[in-house]
Amino acid sequence: SDAQDSLWNVYWQNEELKKEIHRDVVRCYPEMEWFQAAQVQDLMLRVLYVYAKHSPLGYRQGMHELLAPIVLILH
């Protein structure tokens, strides 16, 4: 259905959001091998996705660069 509130429409919007976040996460600090690990990238993707879904701000390019040092320090 093309309705804004249809479950399929919401699903595809969520998938687009995940793709956008993933593109940024993959490019995060390419000179640091730790950030290239799949587990780290998956963690960052999930954190940013949940934040984007629950924040009125949503996701903005560059948020991955703010999250990266926090994840590194907490690790």
PDB file of N, CA and C in Angstrom:
ATOM      1  N   SER A   1       0.830  -1.182   0.000  1.00  0.00           N
ATOM      2  CA  SER A   1       0.000   0.000   0.000  1.00  0.00           C
ATOM      3  C   SER A   1       0.875   1.245   0.000  1.00  0.00           C
ATOM      4  N   ASP A   2       0.399   2.290  -0.623  1.00  0.00           N
ATOM      5  CA  ASP A   2       1.133   3.555  -0.675  1.00  0.00           C
ATOM      6  C   ASP A   2       0.764   4.493   0.472  1.00  0.00           C
ATOM      7  N   ALA A   3      -0.115   4.063   1.345  1.00  0.00           N
ATOM      8  CA  ALA A   3      -0.518   4.906   2.468  1.00  0.00           C
ATOM      9  C   ALA A   3       0.675   5.155   3.390  1.00  0.00           C
ATOM     10  N   GLN A   4       0.776   6.377   3.905  1.00  0.00           N
ATOM     11  CA  GLN A   4       1.903   6.762   4.756  1.00  0.00           C
ATOM     12  C   GLN A   4       2.047   5.860   5.969  1.00  0.00           C
ATOM     13  N   ASP A   5       0.936   5.433   6.555  1.00  0.00           N
ATOM     14  CA  ASP A   5       0.983   4.639   7.779  1.00  0.00           C
ATOM     15  C   ASP A   5       0.945   3.131   7.528  1.00  0.00           C
ATOM     16  N   SER A   6       1.043   2.716   6.285  1.00  0.00           N
ATOM     17  CA  SER A   6       1.043   1.284   5.984  1.00  0.00           C
ATOM     18  C   SER A   6       2.318   0.642   6.521  1.00  0.00           C
ATOM     19  N   LEU A   7       2.196  -0.581   6.986  1.00  0.00           N
ATOM     20  CA  LEU A   7       3.353  -1.281   7.566  1.00  0.00           C
ATOM     21  C   LEU A   7       4.479  -1.459   6.553  1.00  0.00           C
ATOM     22  N   TRP A   8       4.132  -1.712   5.311  1.00  0.00           N
ATOM     23  CA  TRP A   8       5.166  -1.882   4.288  1.00  0.00           C
ATOM     24  C   TRP A   8       5.889  -0.567   4.015  1.00  0.00           C
ATOM     25  N   ASN A   9       5.162   0.509   3.993  1.00  0.00           N
ATOM     26  CA  ASN A   9       5.767   1.817   3.775  1.00  0.00           C
ATOM     27  C   ASN A   9       6.726   2.148   4.922  1.00  0.00           C
ATOM     28  N   VAL A  10       6.316   1.889   6.144  1.00  0.00           N
ATOM     29  CA  VAL A  10       7.173   2.120   7.311  1.00  0.00           C
ATOM     30  C   VAL A  10       8.412   1.225   7.232  1.00  0.00           C
ATOM     31  N   TYR A  11       8.212  -0.028   6.845  1.00  0.00           N
ATOM     32  CA  TYR A  11       9.343  -0.962   6.707  1.00  0.00           C
ATOM     33  C   TYR A  11      10.378  -0.433   5.720  1.00  0.00           C
ATOM     34  N   TRP A  12       9.944   0.015   4.552  1.00  0.00           N
ATOM     35  CA  TRP A  12      10.880   0.490   3.537  1.00  0.00           C
ATOM     36  C   TRP A  12      11.538   1.806   3.949  1.00  0.00           C
ATOM     37  N   GLN A  13      10.838   2.652   4.668  1.00  0.00           N
ATOM     38  CA  GLN A  13      11.453   3.873   5.200  1.00  0.00           C
ATOM     39  C   GLN A  13      12.547   3.528   6.205  1.00  0.00           C
ATOM     40  N   ASN A  14      12.276   2.535   7.049  1.00  0.00           N
ATOM     41  CA  ASN A  14      13.278   2.097   8.022  1.00  0.00           C
ATOM     42  C   ASN A  14      14.510   1.520   7.327  1.00  0.00           C
ATOM     43  N   GLU A  15      14.291   0.752   6.273  1.00  0.00           N
ATOM     44  CA  GLU A  15      15.411   0.175   5.529  1.00  0.00           C
ATOM     45  C   GLU A  15      16.263   1.271   4.878  1.00  0.00           C
ATOM     46  N   GLU A  16      15.637   2.299   4.349  1.00  0.00           N
ATOM     47  CA  GLU A  16      16.368   3.423   3.756  1.00  0.00           C
ATOM     48  C   GLU A  16      17.193   4.146   4.815  1.00  0.00           C
ATOM     49  N   LEU A  17      16.616   4.320   5.995  1.00  0.00           N
ATOM     50  CA  LEU A  17      17.333   4.958   7.092  1.00  0.00           C
ATOM     51  C   LEU A  17      18.561   4.131   7.475  1.00  0.00           C
ATOM     52  N   LYS A  18      18.393   2.823   7.574  1.00  0.00           N
ATOM     53  CA  LYS A  18      19.523   1.941   7.908  1.00  0.00           C
ATOM     54  C   LYS A  18      20.618   2.020   6.847  1.00  0.00           C
ATOM     55  N   LYS A  19      20.241   2.086   5.572  1.00  0.00           N
ATOM     56  CA  LYS A  19      21.236   2.199   4.497  1.00  0.00           C
ATOM     57  C   LYS A  19      22.016   3.504   4.611  1.00  0.00           C
ATOM     58  N   GLU A  20      21.313   4.596   4.903  1.00  0.00           N
ATOM     59  CA  GLU A  20      21.972   5.899   5.041  1.00  0.00           C
ATOM     60  C   GLU A  20      22.968   5.882   6.202  1.00  0.00           C
ATOM     61  N   ILE A  21      22.552   5.333   7.324  1.00  0.00           N
ATOM     62  CA  ILE A  21      23.434   5.251   8.488  1.00  0.00           C
ATOM     63  C   ILE A  21      24.616   4.337   8.183  1.00  0.00           C
ATOM     64  N   HIS A  22      24.363   3.219   7.550  1.00  0.00           N
ATOM     65  CA  HIS A  22      25.432   2.265   7.233  1.00  0.00           C
ATOM     66  C   HIS A  22      26.495   2.895   6.339  1.00  0.00           C
ATOM     67  N   ARG A  23      26.081   3.683   5.364  1.00  0.00           N
ATOM     68  CA  ARG A  23      27.055   4.353   4.482  1.00  0.00           C
ATOM     69  C   ARG A  23      28.008   5.218   5.285  1.00  0.00           C
ATOM     70  N   ASP A  24      27.491   5.923   6.280  1.00  0.00           N
ATOM     71  CA  ASP A  24      28.338   6.782   7.101  1.00  0.00           C
ATOM     72  C   ASP A  24      29.211   5.972   8.050  1.00  0.00           C
ATOM     73  N   VAL A  25      28.642   4.945   8.667  1.00  0.00           N
ATOM     74  CA  VAL A  25      29.380   4.140   9.641  1.00  0.00           C
ATOM     75  C   VAL A  25      30.568   3.451   8.976  1.00  0.00           C
ATOM     76  N   VAL A  26      30.392   2.962   7.780  1.00  0.00           N
ATOM     77  CA  VAL A  26      31.475   2.270   7.064  1.00  0.00           C
ATOM     78  C   VAL A  26      32.648   3.216   6.800  1.00  0.00           C
ATOM     79  N   ARG A  27      32.361   4.488   6.614  1.00  0.00           N
ATOM     80  CA  ARG A  27      33.417   5.472   6.334  1.00  0.00           C
ATOM     81  C   ARG A  27      34.020   6.087   7.594  1.00  0.00           C
ATOM     82  N   CYS A  28      33.604   5.628   8.749  1.00  0.00           N
ATOM     83  CA  CYS A  28      34.044   6.215  10.013  1.00  0.00           C
ATOM     84  C   CYS A  28      35.491   5.813  10.328  1.00  0.00           C
ATOM     85  N   TYR A  29      36.348   6.797  10.435  1.00  0.00           N
ATOM     86  CA  TYR A  29      37.763   6.614  10.782  1.00  0.00           C
ATOM     87  C   TYR A  29      38.404   5.436  10.032  1.00  0.00           C
ATOM     88  N   PRO A  30      38.530   5.515   8.722  1.00  0.00           N
ATOM     89  CA  PRO A  30      39.078   4.394   7.951  1.00  0.00           C
ATOM     90  C   PRO A  30      40.532   4.069   8.313  1.00  0.00           C
ATOM     91  N   GLU A  31      41.238   5.017   8.916  1.00  0.00           N
ATOM     92  CA  GLU A  31      42.629   4.773   9.282  1.00  0.00           C
ATOM     93  C   GLU A  31      42.759   3.934  10.557  1.00  0.00           C
ATOM     94  N   MET A  32      41.654   3.754  11.284  1.00  0.00           N
ATOM     95  CA  MET A  32      41.667   2.951  12.506  1.00  0.00           C
ATOM     96  C   MET A  32      40.993   1.609  12.242  1.00  0.00           C
ATOM     97  N   GLU A  33      41.778   0.559  12.322  1.00  0.00           N
ATOM     98  CA  GLU A  33      41.282  -0.785  12.013  1.00  0.00           C
ATOM     99  C   GLU A  33      40.115  -1.190  12.915  1.00  0.00           C
ATOM    100  N   TRP A  34      40.131  -0.742  14.159  1.00  0.00           N
ATOM    101  CA  TRP A  34      39.093  -1.124  15.110  1.00  0.00           C
ATOM    102  C   TRP A  34      37.704  -0.730  14.610  1.00  0.00           C
ATOM    103  N   PHE A  35      37.592   0.439  13.994  1.00  0.00           N
ATOM    104  CA  PHE A  35      36.299   0.908  13.508  1.00  0.00           C
ATOM    105  C   PHE A  35      35.850   0.180  12.238  1.00  0.00           C
ATOM    106  N   GLN A  36      36.716  -0.593  11.648  1.00  0.00           N
ATOM    107  CA  GLN A  36      36.354  -1.341  10.438  1.00  0.00           C
ATOM    108  C   GLN A  36      35.816  -2.730  10.756  1.00  0.00           C
ATOM    109  N   ALA A  37      35.866  -3.125  12.032  1.00  0.00           N
ATOM    110  CA  ALA A  37      35.342  -4.432  12.442  1.00  0.00           C
ATOM    111  C   ALA A  37      33.819  -4.448  12.293  1.00  0.00           C
ATOM    112  N   ALA A  38      33.300  -5.544  11.792  1.00  0.00           N
ATOM    113  CA  ALA A  38      31.855  -5.668  11.563  1.00  0.00           C
ATOM    114  C   ALA A  38      31.055  -5.502  12.846  1.00  0.00           C
ATOM    115  N   GLN A  39      31.567  -6.013  13.961  1.00  0.00           N
ATOM    116  CA  GLN A  39      30.846  -5.905  15.234  1.00  0.00           C
ATOM    117  C   GLN A  39      30.714  -4.452  15.677  1.00  0.00           C
ATOM    118  N   VAL A  40      31.765  -3.676  15.498  1.00  0.00           N
ATOM    119  CA  VAL A  40      31.753  -2.269  15.885  1.00  0.00           C
ATOM    120  C   VAL A  40      30.795  -1.495  14.982  1.00  0.00           C
ATOM    121  N   GLN A  41      30.871  -1.749  13.694  1.00  0.00           N
ATOM    122  CA  GLN A  41      29.991  -1.063  12.753  1.00  0.00           C
ATOM    123  C   GLN A  41      28.530  -1.415  13.012  1.00  0.00           C
ATOM    124  N   ASP A  42      28.263  -2.678  13.329  1.00  0.00           N
ATOM    125  CA  ASP A  42      26.892  -3.096  13.622  1.00  0.00           C
ATOM    126  C   ASP A  42      26.388  -2.415  14.890  1.00  0.00           C
ATOM    127  N   LEU A  43      27.231  -2.325  15.908  1.00  0.00           N
ATOM    128  CA  LEU A  43      26.859  -1.652  17.149  1.00  0.00           C
ATOM    129  C   LEU A  43      26.513  -0.187  16.885  1.00  0.00           C
ATOM    130  N   MET A  44      27.367   0.491  16.146  1.00  0.00           N
ATOM    131  CA  MET A  44      27.135   1.898  15.845  1.00  0.00           C
ATOM    132  C   MET A  44      25.859   2.081  15.015  1.00  0.00           C
ATOM    133  N   LEU A  45      25.636   1.205  14.061  1.00  0.00           N
ATOM    134  CA  LEU A  45      24.419   1.263  13.242  1.00  0.00           C
ATOM    135  C   LEU A  45      23.183   1.138  14.110  1.00  0.00           C
ATOM    136  N   ARG A  46      23.184   0.173  15.016  1.00  0.00           N
ATOM    137  CA  ARG A  46      22.019  -0.041  15.873  1.00  0.00           C
ATOM    138  C   ARG A  46      21.775   1.134  16.808  1.00  0.00           C
ATOM    139  N   VAL A  47      22.833   1.669  17.399  1.00  0.00           N
ATOM    140  CA  VAL A  47      22.684   2.809  18.306  1.00  0.00           C
ATOM    141  C   VAL A  47      22.116   4.012  17.559  1.00  0.00           C
ATOM    142  N   LEU A  48      22.692   4.307  16.395  1.00  0.00           N
ATOM    143  CA  LEU A  48      22.232   5.466  15.629  1.00  0.00           C
ATOM    144  C   LEU A  48      20.815   5.273  15.096  1.00  0.00           C
ATOM    145  N   TYR A  49      20.475   4.060  14.716  1.00  0.00           N
ATOM    146  CA  TYR A  49      19.128   3.777  14.218  1.00  0.00           C
ATOM    147  C   TYR A  49      18.091   3.993  15.322  1.00  0.00           C
ATOM    148  N   VAL A  50      18.351   3.439  16.500  1.00  0.00           N
ATOM    149  CA  VAL A  50      17.406   3.595  17.609  1.00  0.00           C
ATOM    150  C   VAL A  50      17.271   5.066  17.980  1.00  0.00           C
ATOM    151  N   TYR A  51      18.395   5.770  18.018  1.00  0.00           N
ATOM    152  CA  TYR A  51      18.343   7.196  18.327  1.00  0.00           C
ATOM    153  C   TYR A  51      17.499   7.945  17.284  1.00  0.00           C
ATOM    154  N   ALA A  52      17.744   7.653  16.025  1.00  0.00           N
ATOM    155  CA  ALA A  52      17.026   8.341  14.948  1.00  0.00           C
ATOM    156  C   ALA A  52      15.525   8.083  15.008  1.00  0.00           C
ATOM    157  N   LYS A  53      15.135   6.885  15.366  1.00  0.00           N
ATOM    158  CA  LYS A  53      13.715   6.542  15.421  1.00  0.00           C
ATOM    159  C   LYS A  53      13.008   7.192  16.609  1.00  0.00           C
ATOM    160  N   HIS A  54      13.734   7.504  17.677  1.00  0.00           N
ATOM    161  CA  HIS A  54      13.109   8.030  18.887  1.00  0.00           C
ATOM    162  C   HIS A  54      13.392   9.508  19.132  1.00  0.00           C
ATOM    163  N   SER A  55      14.121  10.123  18.259  1.00  0.00           N
ATOM    164  CA  SER A  55      14.467  11.531  18.421  1.00  0.00           C
ATOM    165  C   SER A  55      13.725  12.366  17.385  1.00  0.00           C
ATOM    166  N   PRO A  56      13.217  13.518  17.783  1.00  0.00           N
ATOM    167  CA  PRO A  56      12.583  14.386  16.784  1.00  0.00           C
ATOM    168  C   PRO A  56      13.588  14.908  15.760  1.00  0.00           C
ATOM    169  N   LEU A  57      14.854  14.882  16.112  1.00  0.00           N
ATOM    170  CA  LEU A  57      15.902  15.323  15.196  1.00  0.00           C
ATOM    171  C   LEU A  57      16.140  14.313  14.079  1.00  0.00           C
ATOM    172  N   GLY A  58      15.925  13.026  14.369  1.00  0.00           N
ATOM    173  CA  GLY A  58      16.196  11.990  13.376  1.00  0.00           C
ATOM    174  C   GLY A  58      17.691  11.754  13.234  1.00  0.00           C
ATOM    175  N   TYR A  59      18.107  11.276  12.076  1.00  0.00           N
ATOM    176  CA  TYR A  59      19.530  11.035  11.819  1.00  0.00           C
ATOM    177  C   TYR A  59      20.060  12.137  10.923  1.00  0.00           C
ATOM    178  N   ARG A  60      21.226  12.630  11.258  1.00  0.00           N
ATOM    179  CA  ARG A  60      21.911  13.630  10.448  1.00  0.00           C
ATOM    180  C   ARG A  60      23.323  13.144  10.168  1.00  0.00           C
ATOM    181  N   GLN A  61      23.788  13.440   8.976  1.00  0.00           N
ATOM    182  CA  GLN A  61      25.143  13.051   8.605  1.00  0.00           C
ATOM    183  C   GLN A  61      26.128  13.660   9.601  1.00  0.00           C
ATOM    184  N   GLY A  62      27.061  12.855  10.050  1.00  0.00           N
ATOM    185  CA  GLY A  62      28.059  13.315  11.002  1.00  0.00           C
ATOM    186  C   GLY A  62      27.822  12.790  12.404  1.00  0.00           C
ATOM    187  N   MET A  63      26.632  12.278  12.662  1.00  0.00           N
ATOM    188  CA  MET A  63      26.357  11.742  13.992  1.00  0.00           C
ATOM    189  C   MET A  63      27.255  10.549  14.306  1.00  0.00           C
ATOM    190  N   HIS A  64      27.652   9.818  13.277  1.00  0.00           N
ATOM    191  CA  HIS A  64      28.539   8.674  13.493  1.00  0.00           C
ATOM    192  C   HIS A  64      29.899   9.127  14.032  1.00  0.00           C
ATOM    193  N   GLU A  65      30.331  10.315  13.637  1.00  0.00           N
ATOM    194  CA  GLU A  65      31.603  10.836  14.122  1.00  0.00           C
ATOM    195  C   GLU A  65      31.505  11.286  15.576  1.00  0.00           C
ATOM    196  N   LEU A  66      30.322  11.641  16.032  1.00  0.00           N
ATOM    197  CA  LEU A  66      30.115  11.976  17.445  1.00  0.00           C
ATOM    198  C   LEU A  66      30.024  10.712  18.298  1.00  0.00           C
ATOM    199  N   LEU A  67      29.437   9.673  17.738  1.00  0.00           N
ATOM    200  CA  LEU A  67      29.279   8.421  18.466  1.00  0.00           C
ATOM    201  C   LEU A  67      30.589   7.643  18.570  1.00  0.00           C
ATOM    202  N   ALA A  68      31.428   7.695  17.556  1.00  0.00           N
ATOM    203  CA  ALA A  68      32.638   6.872  17.495  1.00  0.00           C
ATOM    204  C   ALA A  68      33.537   7.005  18.727  1.00  0.00           C
ATOM    205  N   PRO A  69      33.913   8.208  19.167  1.00  0.00           N
ATOM    206  CA  PRO A  69      34.767   8.297  20.353  1.00  0.00           C
ATOM    207  C   PRO A  69      34.100   7.753  21.610  1.00  0.00           C
ATOM    208  N   ILE A  70      32.783   7.911  21.708  1.00  0.00           N
ATOM    209  CA  ILE A  70      32.070   7.387  22.880  1.00  0.00           C
ATOM    210  C   ILE A  70      32.148   5.865  22.902  1.00  0.00           C
ATOM    211  N   VAL A  71      31.908   5.250  21.743  1.00  0.00           N
ATOM    212  CA  VAL A  71      31.974   3.786  21.649  1.00  0.00           C
ATOM    213  C   VAL A  71      33.395   3.304  21.959  1.00  0.00           C
ATOM    214  N   LEU A  72      34.388   3.995  21.442  1.00  0.00           N
ATOM    215  CA  LEU A  72      35.775   3.598  21.679  1.00  0.00           C
ATOM    216  C   LEU A  72      36.119   3.692  23.160  1.00  0.00           C
ATOM    217  N   ILE A  73      35.734   4.750  23.809  1.00  0.00           N
ATOM    218  CA  ILE A  73      36.042   4.922  25.241  1.00  0.00           C
ATOM    219  C   ILE A  73      35.317   3.894  26.082  1.00  0.00           C
ATOM    220  N   LEU A  74      34.049   3.634  25.775  1.00  0.00           N
ATOM    221  CA  LEU A  74      33.296   2.649  26.549  1.00  0.00           C
ATOM    222  C   LEU A  74      33.760   1.219  26.307  1.00  0.00           C
ATOM    223  N   HIS A  75      34.384   0.990  25.177  1.00  0.00           N
ATOM    224  CA  HIS A  75      34.884  -0.356  24.874  1.00  0.00           C
ATOM    225  C   HIS A  75      36.081  -0.627  25.753  1.00  0.00           C
TER     226      HIS A  75
END
